[in-house]
N, C-alpha and C. Protein backbone atom coordinates (compact mmCIF):
# COMPACT_ATOMS: atom_id res chain seq x y z
N UNK A 1 12.82 5.98 16.79
CA UNK A 1 11.69 6.63 16.15
C UNK A 1 10.63 6.92 17.21
N UNK A 2 10.08 8.13 17.17
CA UNK A 2 9.09 8.51 18.18
C UNK A 2 7.71 7.97 17.84
N UNK A 3 6.93 7.81 18.87
CA UNK A 3 5.56 7.32 18.70
C UNK A 3 4.67 8.47 18.20
N UNK A 4 3.77 8.17 17.27
CA UNK A 4 2.86 9.17 16.73
C UNK A 4 1.42 8.71 16.97
N UNK A 5 0.53 9.68 17.12
CA UNK A 5 -0.87 9.37 17.38
C UNK A 5 -1.75 10.36 16.62
N UNK A 6 -2.76 9.84 15.96
CA UNK A 6 -3.73 10.65 15.23
C UNK A 6 -5.12 10.21 15.68
N UNK A 7 -5.94 11.17 16.13
CA UNK A 7 -7.31 10.86 16.55
C UNK A 7 -8.26 11.74 15.76
N UNK A 8 -9.28 11.10 15.19
CA UNK A 8 -10.34 11.81 14.48
C UNK A 8 -11.66 11.47 15.13
N UNK A 9 -12.50 12.49 15.32
CA UNK A 9 -13.84 12.23 15.84
C UNK A 9 -14.84 13.10 15.09
N UNK A 10 -16.08 12.66 15.11
CA UNK A 10 -17.17 13.37 14.43
C UNK A 10 -18.28 13.60 15.44
N UNK A 11 -18.70 14.85 15.58
CA UNK A 11 -19.80 15.19 16.47
C UNK A 11 -20.93 15.77 15.64
N UNK A 12 -22.01 15.01 15.44
CA UNK A 12 -23.11 15.52 14.61
C UNK A 12 -23.86 16.67 15.28
N UNK A 13 -24.26 17.63 14.46
CA UNK A 13 -25.13 18.71 14.94
C UNK A 13 -26.59 18.34 14.67
N UNK A 14 -26.82 17.78 13.49
CA UNK A 14 -28.14 17.29 13.09
C UNK A 14 -27.91 16.17 12.08
N UNK A 15 -28.92 15.78 11.34
CA UNK A 15 -28.76 14.65 10.41
C UNK A 15 -27.94 15.00 9.18
N UNK A 16 -27.65 16.27 8.95
CA UNK A 16 -26.90 16.67 7.74
C UNK A 16 -25.55 17.32 8.00
N UNK A 17 -25.29 17.78 9.20
CA UNK A 17 -24.07 18.54 9.48
C UNK A 17 -23.39 18.04 10.74
N UNK A 18 -22.08 18.27 10.80
CA UNK A 18 -21.36 17.92 12.01
C UNK A 18 -19.96 18.47 12.00
N UNK A 19 -19.29 18.30 13.13
CA UNK A 19 -17.95 18.83 13.32
C UNK A 19 -16.95 17.68 13.35
N UNK A 20 -15.89 17.81 12.55
CA UNK A 20 -14.78 16.87 12.59
C UNK A 20 -13.70 17.49 13.47
N UNK A 21 -13.26 16.73 14.45
CA UNK A 21 -12.24 17.19 15.38
C UNK A 21 -11.04 16.26 15.25
N UNK A 22 -9.86 16.85 15.07
CA UNK A 22 -8.64 16.08 14.87
C UNK A 22 -7.58 16.52 15.86
N UNK A 23 -6.91 15.55 16.46
CA UNK A 23 -5.74 15.86 17.28
C UNK A 23 -4.61 14.94 16.84
N UNK A 24 -3.41 15.48 16.87
CA UNK A 24 -2.23 14.73 16.42
C UNK A 24 -1.09 14.99 17.39
N UNK A 25 -0.28 13.96 17.58
CA UNK A 25 0.90 14.08 18.44
C UNK A 25 2.00 13.24 17.82
N UNK A 26 3.18 13.84 17.73
CA UNK A 26 4.36 13.13 17.23
C UNK A 26 5.58 13.74 17.90
N UNK A 27 6.21 12.97 18.74
CA UNK A 27 7.35 13.49 19.48
C UNK A 27 6.92 14.66 20.35
N UNK A 28 7.59 15.81 20.20
CA UNK A 28 7.27 16.98 20.98
C UNK A 28 6.19 17.84 20.35
N UNK A 29 5.78 17.52 19.12
CA UNK A 29 4.74 18.29 18.43
C UNK A 29 3.37 17.75 18.80
N UNK A 30 2.43 18.67 19.01
CA UNK A 30 1.03 18.30 19.22
C UNK A 30 0.16 19.41 18.63
N UNK A 31 -0.96 19.03 18.04
CA UNK A 31 -1.86 20.02 17.48
C UNK A 31 -3.28 19.52 17.49
N UNK A 32 -4.21 20.46 17.35
CA UNK A 32 -5.63 20.11 17.34
C UNK A 32 -6.33 21.07 16.39
N UNK A 33 -7.29 20.56 15.65
CA UNK A 33 -8.06 21.39 14.74
C UNK A 33 -9.46 20.84 14.58
N UNK A 34 -10.36 21.67 14.08
CA UNK A 34 -11.72 21.22 13.84
C UNK A 34 -12.36 22.08 12.76
N UNK A 35 -13.35 21.53 12.11
CA UNK A 35 -14.11 22.25 11.09
C UNK A 35 -15.46 21.56 10.92
N UNK A 36 -16.39 22.29 10.34
CA UNK A 36 -17.75 21.79 10.12
C UNK A 36 -17.89 21.31 8.68
N UNK A 37 -18.61 20.19 8.52
CA UNK A 37 -18.82 19.60 7.20
C UNK A 37 -20.25 19.07 7.10
N UNK A 38 -20.72 18.95 5.88
CA UNK A 38 -21.97 18.22 5.67
C UNK A 38 -21.63 16.74 5.62
N UNK A 39 -22.59 15.92 5.93
CA UNK A 39 -22.37 14.46 5.84
C UNK A 39 -22.06 14.07 4.40
N UNK A 40 -22.68 14.76 3.44
CA UNK A 40 -22.41 14.46 2.04
C UNK A 40 -20.95 14.72 1.69
N UNK A 41 -20.38 15.82 2.20
CA UNK A 41 -18.96 16.09 1.95
C UNK A 41 -18.09 14.94 2.46
N UNK A 42 -18.42 14.44 3.62
CA UNK A 42 -17.62 13.37 4.21
C UNK A 42 -17.84 12.04 3.50
N UNK A 43 -19.11 11.67 3.29
CA UNK A 43 -19.42 10.35 2.75
C UNK A 43 -19.23 10.27 1.24
N UNK A 44 -19.71 11.26 0.51
CA UNK A 44 -19.73 11.17 -0.96
C UNK A 44 -18.43 11.64 -1.60
N UNK A 45 -17.60 12.34 -0.86
CA UNK A 45 -16.36 12.85 -1.44
C UNK A 45 -15.14 12.24 -0.77
N UNK A 46 -14.93 12.57 0.50
CA UNK A 46 -13.71 12.15 1.18
C UNK A 46 -13.65 10.63 1.37
N UNK A 47 -14.71 10.02 1.90
CA UNK A 47 -14.68 8.58 2.15
C UNK A 47 -14.62 7.77 0.86
N UNK A 48 -15.29 8.24 -0.19
CA UNK A 48 -15.21 7.55 -1.48
C UNK A 48 -13.77 7.57 -1.98
N UNK A 49 -13.10 8.71 -1.87
CA UNK A 49 -11.71 8.81 -2.32
C UNK A 49 -10.79 7.94 -1.46
N UNK A 50 -11.06 7.83 -0.16
CA UNK A 50 -10.25 6.99 0.72
C UNK A 50 -10.36 5.51 0.38
N UNK A 51 -11.51 5.11 -0.16
CA UNK A 51 -11.73 3.69 -0.48
C UNK A 51 -11.12 3.26 -1.80
N UNK A 52 -10.62 4.21 -2.59
CA UNK A 52 -10.01 3.86 -3.87
C UNK A 52 -8.70 3.13 -3.62
N UNK A 53 -8.45 2.14 -4.48
CA UNK A 53 -7.19 1.42 -4.40
C UNK A 53 -6.63 1.25 -5.78
N UNK A 54 -5.42 1.62 -6.00
CA UNK A 54 -4.54 2.30 -5.04
C UNK A 54 -4.93 3.77 -4.92
N UNK A 55 -4.48 4.42 -3.84
CA UNK A 55 -4.73 5.85 -3.67
C UNK A 55 -4.03 6.62 -4.78
N UNK A 56 -4.66 7.67 -5.23
CA UNK A 56 -4.10 8.49 -6.30
C UNK A 56 -2.94 9.32 -5.78
N UNK A 57 -1.83 9.32 -6.52
CA UNK A 57 -0.71 10.18 -6.15
C UNK A 57 -0.91 11.59 -6.67
N UNK A 58 -1.65 11.74 -7.78
CA UNK A 58 -1.86 13.06 -8.37
C UNK A 58 -3.05 13.80 -7.75
N UNK A 59 -4.03 13.05 -7.24
CA UNK A 59 -5.21 13.66 -6.63
C UNK A 59 -5.59 12.86 -5.38
N UNK A 60 -4.79 13.03 -4.30
CA UNK A 60 -5.05 12.24 -3.10
C UNK A 60 -6.33 12.69 -2.39
N UNK A 61 -6.91 11.83 -1.57
CA UNK A 61 -8.07 12.23 -0.78
C UNK A 61 -7.71 13.41 0.13
N UNK A 62 -8.50 14.48 0.04
CA UNK A 62 -8.26 15.67 0.86
C UNK A 62 -9.58 16.12 1.48
N UNK A 63 -9.53 16.42 2.76
CA UNK A 63 -10.66 16.99 3.47
C UNK A 63 -10.18 18.30 4.06
N UNK A 64 -10.81 19.40 3.68
CA UNK A 64 -10.42 20.69 4.23
C UNK A 64 -11.63 21.54 4.49
N UNK A 65 -11.56 22.27 5.58
CA UNK A 65 -12.68 23.11 5.98
C UNK A 65 -12.22 24.34 6.73
N UNK A 66 -13.10 25.30 6.80
CA UNK A 66 -12.83 26.57 7.46
C UNK A 66 -13.78 27.61 6.91
N UNK A 67 -13.28 28.81 6.68
CA UNK A 67 -14.09 29.88 6.08
C UNK A 67 -13.81 29.92 4.58
N UNK A 68 -14.88 29.80 3.78
CA UNK A 68 -14.77 29.77 2.33
C UNK A 68 -15.18 31.12 1.74
N UNK A 69 -14.75 31.35 0.50
CA UNK A 69 -15.22 32.52 -0.24
C UNK A 69 -16.71 32.36 -0.49
N UNK A 70 -17.39 33.44 -0.87
CA UNK A 70 -18.84 33.39 -1.10
C UNK A 70 -19.22 32.38 -2.17
N UNK A 71 -18.35 32.15 -3.15
CA UNK A 71 -18.66 31.19 -4.21
C UNK A 71 -18.22 29.77 -3.85
N UNK A 72 -17.69 29.57 -2.65
CA UNK A 72 -17.26 28.25 -2.12
C UNK A 72 -16.17 27.59 -2.96
N UNK A 73 -15.37 28.39 -3.65
CA UNK A 73 -14.32 27.82 -4.49
C UNK A 73 -12.95 27.79 -3.84
N UNK A 74 -12.72 28.62 -2.83
CA UNK A 74 -11.42 28.61 -2.16
C UNK A 74 -11.58 29.00 -0.69
N UNK A 75 -10.67 28.50 0.10
CA UNK A 75 -10.68 28.78 1.53
C UNK A 75 -10.05 30.13 1.82
N UNK A 76 -10.71 30.92 2.64
CA UNK A 76 -10.16 32.17 3.12
C UNK A 76 -9.29 31.87 4.36
N UNK A 77 -9.82 31.03 5.24
CA UNK A 77 -9.09 30.54 6.41
C UNK A 77 -9.25 29.03 6.49
N UNK A 78 -8.16 28.33 6.51
CA UNK A 78 -8.20 26.87 6.62
C UNK A 78 -8.06 26.49 8.10
N UNK A 79 -9.09 25.83 8.63
CA UNK A 79 -9.08 25.40 10.02
C UNK A 79 -8.66 23.95 10.16
N UNK A 80 -8.89 23.17 9.10
CA UNK A 80 -8.56 21.75 9.15
C UNK A 80 -8.28 21.27 7.74
N UNK A 81 -7.19 20.54 7.59
CA UNK A 81 -6.86 19.95 6.28
C UNK A 81 -6.22 18.61 6.53
N UNK A 82 -6.82 17.58 5.94
CA UNK A 82 -6.28 16.22 6.02
C UNK A 82 -6.06 15.76 4.59
N UNK A 83 -4.83 15.40 4.28
CA UNK A 83 -4.49 14.83 2.97
C UNK A 83 -3.88 13.46 3.21
N UNK A 84 -4.39 12.46 2.51
CA UNK A 84 -3.90 11.09 2.67
C UNK A 84 -3.16 10.73 1.39
N UNK A 85 -1.86 10.51 1.54
CA UNK A 85 -1.01 10.23 0.38
C UNK A 85 -0.41 8.83 0.50
N UNK A 86 -0.29 8.15 -0.63
CA UNK A 86 0.33 6.82 -0.60
C UNK A 86 1.83 6.91 -0.28
């Protein structure tokens, strides 16, 4: 079995916004992505869902960012998507 590595970092822009940067490596595959989020999106939505036990199989914690439609209901371009499944 090959070794896998996942790195997540957060670079704040100000007290309300910042950039999440992710890099992943598994065997010969490697990738990197980033997107901008509000701290509220990270703390009040994604981190709250990550702390649930057990994790939901029907609605797992998901963090996704990129370019959204004007009504912020769907992504036009997804730059980063992290889904944590049990």
